[in-house]
Amino acid sequence: MIIEKNPRFFYGAVSADGFRSLFDKIYSAKEKWRAYIIKGGPGSGKSTFMKKIAESCGNDNTLLGPCSSDPDSLDAVVFPDKKVCIIDGTAPHVIEPKYPGICESIVNIGDCWDKDMLFKSGDDAITAFNENAAHHRHAARYISAIGSLLNGCMKTESAAVCSDKLQRFAKNLALRELGDAKGDNPTLHKCYLSAITPKGYIFYENTVHSLCKKVIAIEDQQGECAHRILSVILNEALIRGLEVIACLGPILPDKRLEHLLIPSLSLAFCTSNSLHKIQTATRRIHTLRFCNKDVIYRNKEKLNFSKKMTKELINGAVQLLTEAKASHDKMEQFYINAMDFDKLNLLCDKICNEISLIK
């Protein structure tokens, strides 16, 4: 297994309302999942720990959850075939066990560091932590402004939508594409396919194509029509008992459903616009056909301004997240110097053995 080729989802991202975590949606005690929740500081080897376990225990179906603050690092590894996951349970995506020992196990990497050495790092380490937090707060203000712009654009499109026409189309699309498909376990998984990161606005289109051969792109710059179409399809898929991966908009997760993946049908419905352009699609649906073009035209200048400002604000947020990453690297060094990585490797081997025995 080469983990660089595995499907990737973000399970946490900074939204217009602050950091929004979906880590608690990865696993379900009711569905008999096992979750390993890692606790440890920056630089204590959590990401490397997860990469080693993914390489040792994973296959092509293994899902990876990069960190939106550092996409080269992992925050989660999910083994759907085994119903096992490994999650970074530290801030900002803190997870505490709901059913300790029954479903979740705590992996305390703190047992592998020299507490006295960390204590002596004192003021310098605290300064790095505070710098990192300040940069993230500043970036969050930029992303909040982006959310206001996107929300305004969606309202403008909503005022132009021919709702009955759009609803009929969505119902017919669901009927045509889902057909008589039947499942016996309607399941909804929530995640993100994109996020604002120190490396820019990242969109994992490869994940779509790795899980689904048929990709229907819904061309919609504002996102309102696409959201409504996807909501209908999601409801129809769950009625049919299918397992669905719903990818929320990272900036407005409560208002923007951006992509639906139904791996059992090898079928995906994806919003395509300037933020996350679907380069390869089986079919494209242009949503302007469902809108009053006069309303769109009257607001054209406002929409273009919002698009331009969104781009500028994203660039500003990326720069601030890059500065946050630099202060995070300083934080990591204090822990790297204090870690007993031999002891950590033994812990990694122990968990690999446990996972390998799970059928």
Protein backbone atom coordinates (compact mmCIF):
# COMPACT_ATOMS: atom_id res chain seq x y z
CA MET A 1 0.00 0.00 0.00
CA ILE A 2 1.26 3.48 -0.92
CA ILE A 3 -0.65 5.94 1.25
CA GLU A 4 0.04 8.84 -1.13
CA LYS A 5 -2.54 7.26 -3.46
CA ASN A 6 -5.27 6.67 -0.88
CA PRO A 7 -8.50 8.72 -0.75
CA ARG A 8 -8.23 11.80 1.44
CA PHE A 9 -10.84 13.77 3.34
CA PHE A 10 -10.54 16.62 5.79
CA TYR A 11 -12.40 15.94 9.03
CA GLY A 12 -11.82 19.41 10.44
CA ALA A 13 -11.56 22.88 8.93
CA VAL A 14 -11.81 26.53 9.90
CA SER A 15 -15.29 27.73 8.95
CA ALA A 16 -16.89 31.17 9.06
CA ASP A 17 -17.94 30.32 12.63
CA GLY A 18 -14.56 29.00 13.77
CA PHE A 19 -13.00 25.55 13.68
CA ARG A 20 -15.56 22.87 12.87
CA SER A 21 -14.65 19.29 13.70
CA LEU A 22 -16.28 16.22 12.21
CA PHE A 23 -13.92 13.81 13.94
CA ASP A 24 -16.71 12.46 16.13
CA LYS A 25 -18.59 11.53 12.92
CA ILE A 26 -15.84 9.18 11.73
CA TYR A 27 -16.86 6.22 13.88
CA SER A 28 -19.98 4.83 15.54
CA ALA A 29 -20.16 2.73 18.68
CA LYS A 30 -23.58 1.51 17.53
CA GLU A 31 -21.97 0.12 14.36
CA LYS A 32 -19.32 -1.70 16.46
CA TRP A 33 -16.39 0.55 15.50
CA ARG A 34 -13.11 0.67 17.39
CA ALA A 35 -11.44 4.06 17.75
CA TYR A 36 -7.90 4.77 18.92
CA ILE A 37 -7.75 8.35 20.18
CA ILE A 38 -4.21 9.77 20.29
CA LYS A 39 -3.26 12.33 22.91
CA GLY A 40 0.07 14.14 22.60
CA GLY A 41 1.75 17.44 21.82
CA PRO A 42 2.93 18.90 18.50
CA GLY A 43 6.05 17.15 17.23
CA SER A 44 5.45 14.09 19.40
CA GLY A 45 5.16 11.86 16.33
CA LYS A 46 1.37 11.50 16.04
CA SER A 47 1.27 11.92 12.25
CA THR A 48 4.24 9.61 11.66
CA PHE A 49 2.64 7.13 14.07
CA MET A 50 -0.54 7.11 11.97
CA LYS A 51 1.32 6.89 8.66
CA LYS A 52 3.20 3.82 9.88
CA ILE A 53 -0.01 2.11 10.95
CA ALA A 54 -1.68 3.02 7.64
CA GLU A 55 1.24 1.52 5.73
CA SER A 56 1.28 -1.62 7.89
CA CYS A 57 -2.44 -2.32 8.26
CA GLY A 58 -4.12 -0.50 5.39
CA ASN A 59 -5.21 -1.29 1.86
CA ASP A 60 -6.60 0.65 -1.10
CA ASN A 61 -9.83 1.27 0.82
CA THR A 62 -8.08 2.98 3.73
CA LEU A 63 -9.10 6.63 4.11
CA LEU A 64 -6.67 9.32 5.21
CA GLY A 65 -7.54 12.51 7.05
CA PRO A 66 -4.91 15.22 6.50
CA CYS A 67 -4.61 18.15 8.89
CA SER A 68 -6.05 21.36 7.43
CA SER A 69 -3.33 23.31 9.28
CA ASP A 70 -0.64 21.14 7.67
CA PRO A 71 -1.88 18.92 4.80
CA ASP A 72 1.38 16.96 4.84
CA SER A 73 0.44 15.63 8.28
CA LEU A 74 -2.33 13.21 9.19
CA ASP A 75 -5.03 13.75 11.78
CA ALA A 76 -6.89 10.50 11.09
CA VAL A 77 -6.63 7.09 9.45
CA VAL A 78 -9.82 5.13 8.80
CA PHE A 79 -10.02 1.42 7.99
CA PRO A 80 -13.64 0.96 6.80
CA ASP A 81 -13.18 -2.78 6.15
CA LYS A 82 -12.26 -3.37 9.79
CA LYS A 83 -14.39 -0.58 11.30
CA VAL A 84 -11.29 0.80 12.97
CA CYS A 85 -9.95 4.35 13.06
CA ILE A 86 -7.04 6.23 14.59
CA ILE A 87 -7.73 9.88 15.41
CA ASP A 88 -5.69 12.78 16.75
CA GLY A 89 -7.82 13.75 19.73
CA THR A 90 -5.92 16.91 20.72
CA ALA A 91 -6.97 20.54 20.22
CA PRO A 92 -8.61 21.96 18.20
CA HIS A 93 -10.43 18.67 17.47
CA VAL A 94 -10.57 17.35 21.00
CA ILE A 95 -12.33 14.00 21.33
CA GLU A 96 -13.10 12.32 24.62
CA PRO A 97 -14.34 8.72 24.86
CA LYS A 98 -18.08 8.24 25.14
CA TYR A 99 -17.72 4.48 25.67
CA PRO A 100 -14.15 4.06 26.98
CA GLY A 101 -12.71 0.61 26.45
CA ILE A 102 -15.89 -0.58 24.73
CA CYS A 103 -15.45 1.58 21.63
CA GLU A 104 -12.56 3.98 22.25
CA SER A 105 -9.02 3.43 23.48
CA ILE A 106 -6.75 6.29 24.57
CA VAL A 107 -3.22 6.24 23.15
CA ASN A 108 -1.16 8.45 25.45
CA ILE A 109 1.98 9.53 23.63
CA GLY A 110 2.80 11.62 26.68
CA ASP A 111 4.21 8.42 28.19
CA CYS A 112 7.01 8.66 25.64
CA TRP A 113 8.32 12.15 26.42
CA ASP A 114 10.64 13.59 29.03
CA LYS A 115 8.41 15.75 31.22
CA ASP A 116 11.33 17.46 32.94
CA MET A 117 12.83 18.54 29.61
CA LEU A 118 9.49 19.96 28.48
CA PHE A 119 9.05 21.77 31.78
CA LYS A 120 12.43 23.43 31.34
CA SER A 121 11.42 24.75 27.89
CA GLY A 122 9.00 26.97 29.83
CA ASP A 123 8.54 30.49 28.53
CA ASP A 124 9.92 29.83 25.03
CA ALA A 125 7.45 27.01 24.39
CA ILE A 126 4.53 29.00 25.79
CA THR A 127 5.46 31.94 23.52
CA ALA A 128 5.37 29.67 20.47
CA PHE A 129 1.97 28.28 21.50
CA ASN A 130 0.57 31.79 21.95
CA GLU A 131 1.96 32.98 18.60
CA ASN A 132 0.36 30.02 16.87
CA ALA A 133 -3.01 30.70 18.49
CA ALA A 134 -2.86 34.40 17.55
CA HIS A 135 -2.18 33.63 13.88
CA HIS A 136 -5.08 31.16 13.81
CA ARG A 137 -7.43 33.72 15.38
CA HIS A 138 -6.42 36.29 12.75
CA ALA A 139 -6.92 33.78 9.91
CA ALA A 140 -10.34 32.87 11.35
CA ARG A 141 -11.44 36.52 11.00
CA TYR A 142 -10.53 36.44 7.30
CA ILE A 143 -12.46 33.20 6.83
CA SER A 144 -15.45 34.67 8.67
CA ALA A 145 -15.45 37.53 6.13
CA ILE A 146 -15.32 34.98 3.29
CA GLY A 147 -18.34 33.29 4.82
CA SER A 148 -20.28 36.57 4.78
CA LEU A 149 -19.50 37.03 1.09
CA LEU A 150 -20.43 33.46 0.15
CA ASN A 151 -23.62 33.66 2.18
CA GLY A 152 -24.60 36.84 0.36
CA CYS A 153 -23.95 35.24 -3.04
CA MET A 154 -26.08 32.22 -2.14
CA LYS A 155 -28.94 34.52 -1.10
CA THR A 156 -28.69 36.37 -4.42
CA GLU A 157 -28.87 33.10 -6.35
CA SER A 158 -31.71 31.90 -4.13
CA ALA A 159 -33.77 34.97 -5.10
CA ALA A 160 -33.25 34.04 -8.77
CA VAL A 161 -34.01 30.32 -8.54
CA CYS A 162 -37.11 28.87 -10.18
CA SER A 163 -37.71 26.52 -7.25
CA ASP A 164 -40.36 24.26 -8.81
CA LYS A 165 -38.28 23.71 -11.94
CA LEU A 166 -35.16 22.96 -9.88
CA GLN A 167 -37.02 20.58 -7.57
CA ARG A 168 -38.49 18.61 -10.49
CA PHE A 169 -35.08 18.33 -12.11
CA ALA A 170 -33.44 17.15 -8.89
CA LYS A 171 -36.12 14.49 -8.34
CA ASN A 172 -35.77 13.22 -11.92
CA LEU A 173 -31.99 13.24 -11.66
CA ALA A 174 -32.13 11.16 -8.48
CA LEU A 175 -34.58 8.72 -10.08
CA ARG A 176 -32.46 8.35 -13.21
CA GLU A 177 -29.10 7.96 -11.47
CA LEU A 178 -30.13 5.99 -8.38
CA GLY A 179 -32.81 3.96 -10.11
CA ASP A 180 -33.84 0.86 -8.22
CA ALA A 181 -30.65 0.73 -6.17
CA LYS A 182 -31.28 -0.83 -2.78
CA GLY A 183 -29.23 -1.04 0.36
CA ASP A 184 -30.00 -2.34 3.81
CA ASN A 185 -28.06 0.15 5.90
CA PRO A 186 -28.74 3.83 5.18
CA THR A 187 -25.62 5.54 6.47
CA LEU A 188 -24.47 9.15 6.28
CA HIS A 189 -20.79 10.03 6.63
CA LYS A 190 -19.90 13.73 6.92
CA CYS A 191 -16.54 15.21 5.97
CA TYR A 192 -14.89 17.90 3.85
CA LEU A 193 -13.22 17.49 0.46
CA SER A 194 -11.63 20.92 0.62
CA ALA A 195 -10.22 23.43 3.09
CA ILE A 196 -8.21 26.62 3.35
CA THR A 197 -4.69 25.54 4.35
CA PRO A 198 -1.16 26.98 4.50
CA LYS A 199 -0.74 25.49 1.02
CA GLY A 200 -3.75 27.34 -0.36
CA TYR A 201 -7.30 26.22 -0.97
CA ILE A 202 -6.94 22.45 -1.36
CA PHE A 203 -9.57 20.32 -3.08
CA TYR A 204 -9.08 16.54 -3.24
CA GLU A 205 -10.62 15.82 -6.63
CA ASN A 206 -8.54 12.62 -6.87
CA THR A 207 -10.54 11.23 -3.96
CA VAL A 208 -13.73 11.55 -6.01
CA HIS A 209 -12.28 9.65 -8.95
CA SER A 210 -10.65 6.98 -6.78
CA LEU A 211 -14.03 6.11 -5.22
CA CYS A 212 -16.40 6.80 -8.12
CA LYS A 213 -16.15 6.13 -11.86
CA LYS A 214 -19.18 8.22 -12.76
CA VAL A 215 -18.87 11.89 -11.76
CA ILE A 216 -21.67 14.36 -12.39
CA ALA A 217 -20.43 17.94 -12.06
CA ILE A 218 -22.94 20.60 -11.06
CA GLU A 219 -21.60 23.90 -12.38
CA ASP A 220 -22.67 26.55 -9.87
CA GLN A 221 -20.49 29.50 -8.90
CA GLN A 222 -22.71 30.57 -5.99
CA GLY A 223 -23.56 27.10 -4.67
CA GLU A 224 -27.26 27.51 -3.81
CA CYS A 225 -28.69 25.51 -6.72
CA ALA A 226 -26.10 22.77 -6.25
CA HIS A 227 -26.89 22.59 -2.54
CA ARG A 228 -30.61 22.14 -3.26
CA ILE A 229 -30.02 19.46 -5.91
CA LEU A 230 -27.64 17.56 -3.65
CA SER A 231 -30.05 17.74 -0.71
CA VAL A 232 -32.74 16.01 -2.79
CA ILE A 233 -30.34 13.32 -4.00
CA LEU A 234 -29.05 12.73 -0.46
CA ASN A 235 -32.57 12.20 0.84
CA GLU A 236 -33.42 9.82 -2.01
CA ALA A 237 -30.21 7.83 -1.49
CA LEU A 238 -30.88 7.37 2.23
CA ILE A 239 -34.49 6.33 1.53
CA ARG A 240 -33.02 3.59 -0.69
CA GLY A 241 -30.84 2.41 2.20
CA LEU A 242 -27.55 3.49 0.63
CA GLU A 243 -24.30 4.53 2.29
CA VAL A 244 -23.46 8.13 1.37
CA ILE A 245 -20.44 10.36 1.95
CA ALA A 246 -21.69 13.94 2.25
CA CYS A 247 -18.96 16.55 1.80
CA LEU A 248 -19.88 19.85 3.42
CA GLY A 249 -18.63 23.26 2.38
CA PRO A 250 -15.78 23.99 4.81
CA ILE A 251 -16.60 27.69 5.12
CA LEU A 252 -20.39 27.36 5.51
CA PRO A 253 -20.84 23.73 6.61
CA ASP A 254 -24.37 24.29 7.94
CA LYS A 255 -25.59 25.89 4.72
CA ARG A 256 -23.55 24.34 1.95
CA LEU A 257 -23.57 20.73 0.85
CA GLU A 258 -20.95 20.57 -1.89
CA HIS A 259 -20.44 16.94 -2.93
CA LEU A 260 -22.08 13.53 -2.55
CA LEU A 261 -20.20 10.27 -3.03
CA ILE A 262 -21.98 6.91 -3.23
CA PRO A 263 -19.11 4.40 -3.55
CA SER A 264 -21.39 1.34 -3.74
CA LEU A 265 -22.78 2.75 -7.02
CA SER A 266 -19.41 4.25 -8.03
CA LEU A 267 -21.36 7.50 -8.41
CA ALA A 268 -20.53 11.07 -7.38
CA PHE A 269 -22.34 14.40 -7.63
CA CYS A 270 -19.95 17.34 -7.23
CA THR A 271 -20.31 21.09 -7.16
CA SER A 272 -17.88 22.68 -9.60
CA ASN A 273 -16.86 26.35 -9.46
CA SER A 274 -13.78 28.57 -9.20
CA LEU A 275 -12.97 27.34 -5.67
CA HIS A 276 -13.10 23.64 -6.53
CA LYS A 277 -13.25 23.03 -10.25
CA ILE A 278 -14.07 19.47 -11.33
CA GLN A 279 -11.56 18.88 -14.10
CA THR A 280 -12.90 15.50 -15.24
CA ALA A 281 -16.61 14.69 -15.34
CA THR A 282 -18.95 12.21 -16.98
CA ARG A 283 -21.64 14.87 -17.29
CA ARG A 284 -21.99 18.57 -16.48
CA ILE A 285 -25.15 20.31 -15.29
CA HIS A 286 -25.23 24.11 -15.67
CA THR A 287 -27.47 25.60 -13.00
CA LEU A 288 -28.11 28.95 -14.70
CA ARG A 289 -30.91 27.15 -16.54
CA PHE A 290 -32.84 27.09 -13.27
CA CYS A 291 -32.39 30.82 -12.57
CA ASN A 292 -34.03 34.05 -13.65
CA LYS A 293 -31.17 35.45 -15.70
CA ASP A 294 -32.40 39.03 -15.27
CA VAL A 295 -31.95 38.77 -11.49
CA ILE A 296 -28.44 37.35 -11.95
CA TYR A 297 -27.58 40.06 -14.48
CA ARG A 298 -28.78 42.88 -12.19
CA ASN A 299 -26.49 41.55 -9.45
CA LYS A 300 -23.58 40.72 -11.74
CA GLU A 301 -21.36 43.53 -10.48
CA LYS A 302 -21.95 42.57 -6.84
CA LEU A 303 -21.31 38.89 -7.56
CA ASN A 304 -18.09 39.65 -9.42
CA PHE A 305 -16.92 41.88 -6.57
CA SER A 306 -17.64 39.12 -4.05
CA LYS A 307 -15.72 36.62 -6.17
CA LYS A 308 -12.71 38.95 -6.36
CA MET A 309 -12.77 39.73 -2.63
CA THR A 310 -13.16 36.06 -1.74
CA LYS A 311 -9.98 35.30 -3.67
CA GLU A 312 -8.11 38.11 -1.88
CA LEU A 313 -9.33 37.04 1.54
CA ILE A 314 -8.37 33.43 0.89
CA ASN A 315 -4.86 34.59 -0.04
CA GLY A 316 -4.70 36.57 3.20
CA ALA A 317 -5.94 33.62 5.27
CA VAL A 318 -3.38 31.33 3.59
CA GLN A 319 -0.57 33.75 4.50
CA LEU A 320 -1.69 33.84 8.13
CA LEU A 321 -1.98 30.05 8.25
CA THR A 322 1.55 29.86 6.83
CA GLU A 323 2.75 32.04 9.71
CA ALA A 324 0.82 29.82 12.11
CA LYS A 325 2.55 26.79 10.62
CA ALA A 326 5.95 28.44 11.22
CA SER A 327 5.13 28.96 14.91
CA HIS A 328 3.79 25.39 15.06
CA ASP A 329 7.15 24.16 13.77
CA LYS A 330 8.80 25.95 16.72
CA MET A 331 6.37 24.24 19.08
CA GLU A 332 7.19 20.87 17.55
CA GLN A 333 10.90 21.23 18.19
CA PHE A 334 10.42 21.35 21.96
CA TYR A 335 8.60 18.00 21.85
CA ILE A 336 10.93 16.39 19.30
CA ASN A 337 13.86 17.05 21.62
CA ALA A 338 11.99 15.50 24.56
CA MET A 339 10.65 12.37 22.81
CA ASP A 340 11.79 8.79 23.26
CA PHE A 341 11.00 7.62 19.72
CA ASP A 342 12.14 4.06 20.41
CA LYS A 343 9.43 3.79 23.03
CA LEU A 344 6.95 5.35 20.60
CA ASN A 345 7.86 2.78 17.92
CA LEU A 346 7.14 -0.04 20.37
CA LEU A 347 3.73 1.48 21.07
CA CYS A 348 3.12 1.73 17.32
CA ASP A 349 4.02 -1.95 16.84
CA LYS A 350 1.65 -2.92 19.65
CA ILE A 351 -1.30 -1.15 18.03
CA CYS A 352 -0.41 -2.51 14.59
CA ASN A 353 -0.59 -6.01 16.05
CA GLU A 354 -3.94 -5.29 17.65
CA ILE A 355 -5.42 -3.96 14.40
CA SER A 356 -4.04 -6.83 12.32
CA LEU A 357 -5.94 -9.31 14.51
CA ILE A 358 -9.27 -7.54 13.95
CA LYS A 359 -11.33 -9.32 11.30
